[in-house]
Amino acid sequence: MITNQPAPAPQDIRDIKPPVPIPNVWEWVWWALGLLAVLAILYLAWRYWQKRRSQIPVEPPVPAPLRAKQKLEEALALITQPKPFCILVSDTIRAYLEEQFDFRAPERTTDEFLRELSTTDLLAPEQKDSLGQFLESCDLVKFARYEPGEPELRELHHSAVQLVEETEPKDTLNSESGLSNYGSERPPEPAEPGQIVKRKS
């Protein structure tokens, strides 16, 4: 007996695939050209900045002796305040010695500073003794609440200026920058070496 039944539907028929986008070559070309343009602009800006930078005159650094003298000159404004005055003067001298002679002794006590300095030949023996008396005089004011009068403070200031003048290179005095930067008020005539500080008994 023959029956008319529908044939089973095939199971391997797949859906139609969506369209595949074809890459646009020119889009990548435009992106590459844009990137090259940005890089070219950055390079030209860098070259322009370098050229401008090379045309800016570079001021020579102020020598350590002249900078120390300037700070000592500024310290005179504190002559009526013994403690701030002595702090500024002593710190200026220590910073000057450290920079002028490449002597690194930051944040050290006076005893440590002088002990380290005594092992070097940076100063003459007379200058080391005078420097020790100078720093000890400053420590009396800074830590022992000693308040000297203005004449004694001016003598202390003079000894600091003298120490700088005794240890600065000779060509610094005649440099044009030094003459223009240094104050008009000149310190008193320097005393003999070894007499930088005259302590009161």
Protein backbone atom coordinates (compact mmCIF):
# COMPACT_ATOMS: atom_id res chain seq x y z
CA MET A 1 0.00 0.00 0.00
CA ILE A 2 1.37 3.31 -1.03
CA THR A 3 0.90 6.33 1.33
CA ASN A 4 1.50 9.92 0.32
CA GLN A 5 3.42 11.42 3.28
CA PRO A 6 5.43 14.65 3.01
CA ALA A 7 9.16 14.21 2.87
CA PRO A 8 11.02 15.30 6.01
CA ALA A 9 12.53 18.81 5.86
CA PRO A 10 16.27 18.86 5.49
CA GLN A 11 18.10 19.74 8.71
CA ASP A 12 21.30 21.21 7.22
CA ILE A 13 19.91 24.38 5.65
CA ARG A 14 21.55 27.47 7.31
CA ASP A 15 20.40 31.08 7.49
CA ILE A 16 21.70 33.61 5.04
CA LYS A 17 24.92 35.25 6.32
CA PRO A 18 24.93 39.02 6.76
CA PRO A 19 26.92 41.05 4.26
CA VAL A 20 30.68 41.13 4.95
CA PRO A 21 32.06 44.69 5.06
CA ILE A 22 34.86 45.26 2.62
CA PRO A 23 37.68 47.28 4.27
CA ASN A 24 38.19 50.71 2.80
CA VAL A 25 41.90 51.11 2.08
CA TRP A 26 41.60 54.87 1.72
CA GLU A 27 40.31 55.22 5.29
CA TRP A 28 43.58 53.83 6.62
CA VAL A 29 45.51 56.11 4.31
CA TRP A 30 43.75 59.19 5.69
CA TRP A 31 44.35 58.05 9.26
CA ALA A 32 48.07 57.59 8.53
CA LEU A 33 48.31 61.00 6.86
CA GLY A 34 46.58 62.63 9.84
CA LEU A 35 48.97 60.99 12.26
CA LEU A 36 51.97 62.10 10.21
CA ALA A 37 50.61 65.64 10.14
CA VAL A 38 50.26 65.71 13.94
CA LEU A 39 53.79 64.36 14.38
CA ALA A 40 55.14 66.97 11.96
CA ILE A 41 53.43 69.79 13.88
CA LEU A 42 54.81 68.53 17.20
CA TYR A 43 58.32 68.27 15.73
CA LEU A 44 58.19 71.81 14.31
CA ALA A 45 56.92 73.14 17.65
CA TRP A 46 59.77 71.38 19.47
CA ARG A 47 62.35 72.81 17.04
CA TYR A 48 60.89 76.30 17.51
CA TRP A 49 61.00 75.97 21.30
CA GLN A 50 64.61 74.75 21.18
CA LYS A 51 65.60 77.69 18.99
CA ARG A 52 63.92 80.20 21.29
CA ARG A 53 65.53 78.55 24.30
CA SER A 54 69.01 78.79 22.76
CA GLN A 55 68.50 82.52 22.12
CA ILE A 56 67.70 83.31 25.77
CA PRO A 57 70.90 84.61 27.42
CA VAL A 58 71.96 82.52 30.39
CA GLU A 59 73.06 84.60 33.34
CA PRO A 60 76.26 83.34 34.96
CA PRO A 61 75.78 82.10 38.52
CA VAL A 62 76.72 84.50 41.29
CA PRO A 63 80.01 83.38 42.88
CA ALA A 64 79.79 82.05 46.42
CA PRO A 65 81.82 84.93 47.97
CA LEU A 66 79.58 87.59 46.45
CA ARG A 67 76.44 85.73 47.46
CA ALA A 68 77.77 85.43 51.02
CA LYS A 69 78.54 89.16 51.13
CA GLN A 70 75.05 89.97 49.91
CA LYS A 71 73.49 87.88 52.69
CA LEU A 72 75.80 89.43 55.27
CA GLU A 73 74.74 92.85 54.01
CA GLU A 74 71.10 91.83 54.43
CA ALA A 75 71.84 90.66 57.97
CA LEU A 76 72.53 94.27 59.02
CA ALA A 77 68.79 94.86 58.89
CA LEU A 78 68.55 92.53 61.92
CA ILE A 79 71.30 94.24 63.92
CA THR A 80 68.80 95.17 66.65
CA GLN A 81 67.73 91.51 67.04
CA PRO A 82 70.78 89.61 68.30
CA LYS A 83 69.48 86.05 67.90
CA PRO A 84 68.07 86.31 64.33
CA PHE A 85 71.13 88.32 63.37
CA CYS A 86 73.60 85.71 64.65
CA ILE A 87 71.62 82.84 63.13
CA LEU A 88 71.72 84.46 59.68
CA VAL A 89 75.41 85.43 59.94
CA SER A 90 76.60 82.04 61.18
CA ASP A 91 74.45 80.12 58.68
CA THR A 92 75.79 82.31 55.89
CA ILE A 93 79.41 81.61 56.84
CA ARG A 94 78.82 77.86 57.13
CA ALA A 95 77.01 77.73 53.79
CA TYR A 96 79.79 79.78 52.20
CA LEU A 97 82.53 77.45 53.46
CA GLU A 98 80.60 74.38 52.36
CA GLU A 99 80.07 75.74 48.84
CA GLN A 100 83.38 77.52 48.33
CA PHE A 101 85.52 74.56 49.42
CA ASP A 102 83.07 71.74 48.58
CA PHE A 103 83.01 70.98 52.29
CA ARG A 104 79.77 69.13 53.04
CA ALA A 105 78.70 69.53 56.64
CA PRO A 106 74.98 70.35 56.70
CA GLU A 107 72.97 70.16 59.91
CA ARG A 108 76.03 69.62 62.10
CA THR A 109 76.78 71.15 65.46
CA THR A 110 79.55 73.70 65.78
CA ASP A 111 81.86 71.15 67.42
CA GLU A 112 81.23 68.61 64.66
CA PHE A 113 81.70 71.25 62.00
CA LEU A 114 84.99 72.50 63.44
CA ARG A 115 86.24 68.96 64.10
CA GLU A 116 85.62 68.01 60.48
CA LEU A 117 87.19 71.24 59.26
CA SER A 118 90.30 70.71 61.41
CA THR A 119 91.11 67.52 59.47
CA THR A 120 91.34 69.47 56.20
CA ASP A 121 93.73 72.08 54.85
CA LEU A 122 90.97 74.36 53.58
CA LEU A 123 91.90 77.18 55.97
CA ALA A 124 95.08 78.36 57.61
CA PRO A 125 95.48 77.44 61.30
CA GLU A 126 94.88 81.06 62.34
CA GLN A 127 91.70 81.17 60.29
CA LYS A 128 90.45 77.93 61.84
CA ASP A 129 91.00 79.34 65.34
CA SER A 130 89.27 82.60 64.44
CA LEU A 131 86.39 80.72 62.83
CA GLY A 132 85.99 78.63 65.97
CA GLN A 133 85.78 81.77 68.13
CA PHE A 134 83.31 83.29 65.66
CA LEU A 135 80.95 80.30 65.69
CA GLU A 136 81.20 79.95 69.47
CA SER A 137 80.26 83.63 69.84
CA CYS A 138 77.23 83.05 67.62
CA ASP A 139 76.26 79.97 69.65
CA LEU A 140 76.29 82.04 72.86
CA VAL A 141 73.64 84.27 71.36
CA LYS A 142 71.67 81.46 69.68
CA PHE A 143 71.56 78.99 72.56
CA ALA A 144 72.76 80.65 75.79
CA ARG A 145 70.44 83.69 75.60
CA TYR A 146 73.39 86.05 75.60
CA GLU A 147 72.42 89.44 74.16
CA PRO A 148 75.43 91.49 73.04
CA GLY A 149 75.18 95.16 72.20
CA GLU A 150 75.19 96.56 68.70
CA PRO A 151 78.95 97.36 68.68
CA GLU A 152 79.77 93.72 69.45
CA LEU A 153 77.35 92.51 66.79
CA ARG A 154 78.92 94.83 64.22
CA GLU A 155 82.33 93.48 65.17
CA LEU A 156 80.97 89.97 64.68
CA HIS A 157 79.60 91.00 61.29
CA HIS A 158 82.94 92.50 60.32
CA SER A 159 84.74 89.29 61.23
CA ALA A 160 82.38 87.32 58.98
CA VAL A 161 82.96 89.67 56.05
CA GLN A 162 86.70 89.52 56.65
CA LEU A 163 86.70 85.72 56.62
CA VAL A 164 84.96 85.74 53.23
CA GLU A 165 87.41 88.31 51.85
CA GLU A 166 90.42 86.35 53.09
CA THR A 167 89.26 83.13 51.42
CA GLU A 168 87.67 84.35 48.19
CA PRO A 169 89.54 84.10 44.88
CA LYS A 170 91.27 87.31 43.91
CA ASP A 171 89.54 87.57 40.54
CA THR A 172 86.15 87.72 42.27
CA LEU A 173 86.86 91.21 43.58
CA ASN A 174 87.48 92.54 40.10
CA SER A 175 84.64 90.75 38.33
CA GLU A 176 82.07 93.02 36.76
CA SER A 177 79.16 91.04 38.16
CA GLY A 178 80.61 91.29 41.62
CA LEU A 179 80.92 95.05 41.48
CA SER A 180 77.34 95.40 40.28
CA ASN A 181 75.83 92.99 42.81
CA TYR A 182 77.74 93.92 45.92
CA GLY A 183 76.29 96.63 48.16
CA SER A 184 77.65 100.14 48.22
CA GLU A 185 78.55 100.00 51.90
CA ARG A 186 82.05 98.58 52.29
CA PRO A 187 83.08 96.72 55.44
CA PRO A 188 85.79 98.12 57.69
CA GLU A 189 89.42 97.52 56.84
CA PRO A 190 90.37 93.89 57.54
CA ALA A 191 92.43 93.17 60.62
CA GLU A 192 95.46 90.95 60.78
CA PRO A 193 94.86 87.20 60.31
CA GLY A 194 94.06 85.52 63.58
CA GLN A 195 92.21 88.56 64.94
CA ILE A 196 88.87 87.93 63.26
CA VAL A 197 86.93 87.86 66.53
CA LYS A 198 87.90 89.61 69.71
CA ARG A 199 86.00 87.92 72.49
CA LYS A 200 85.17 90.00 75.53
CA SER A 201 86.51 88.57 78.72
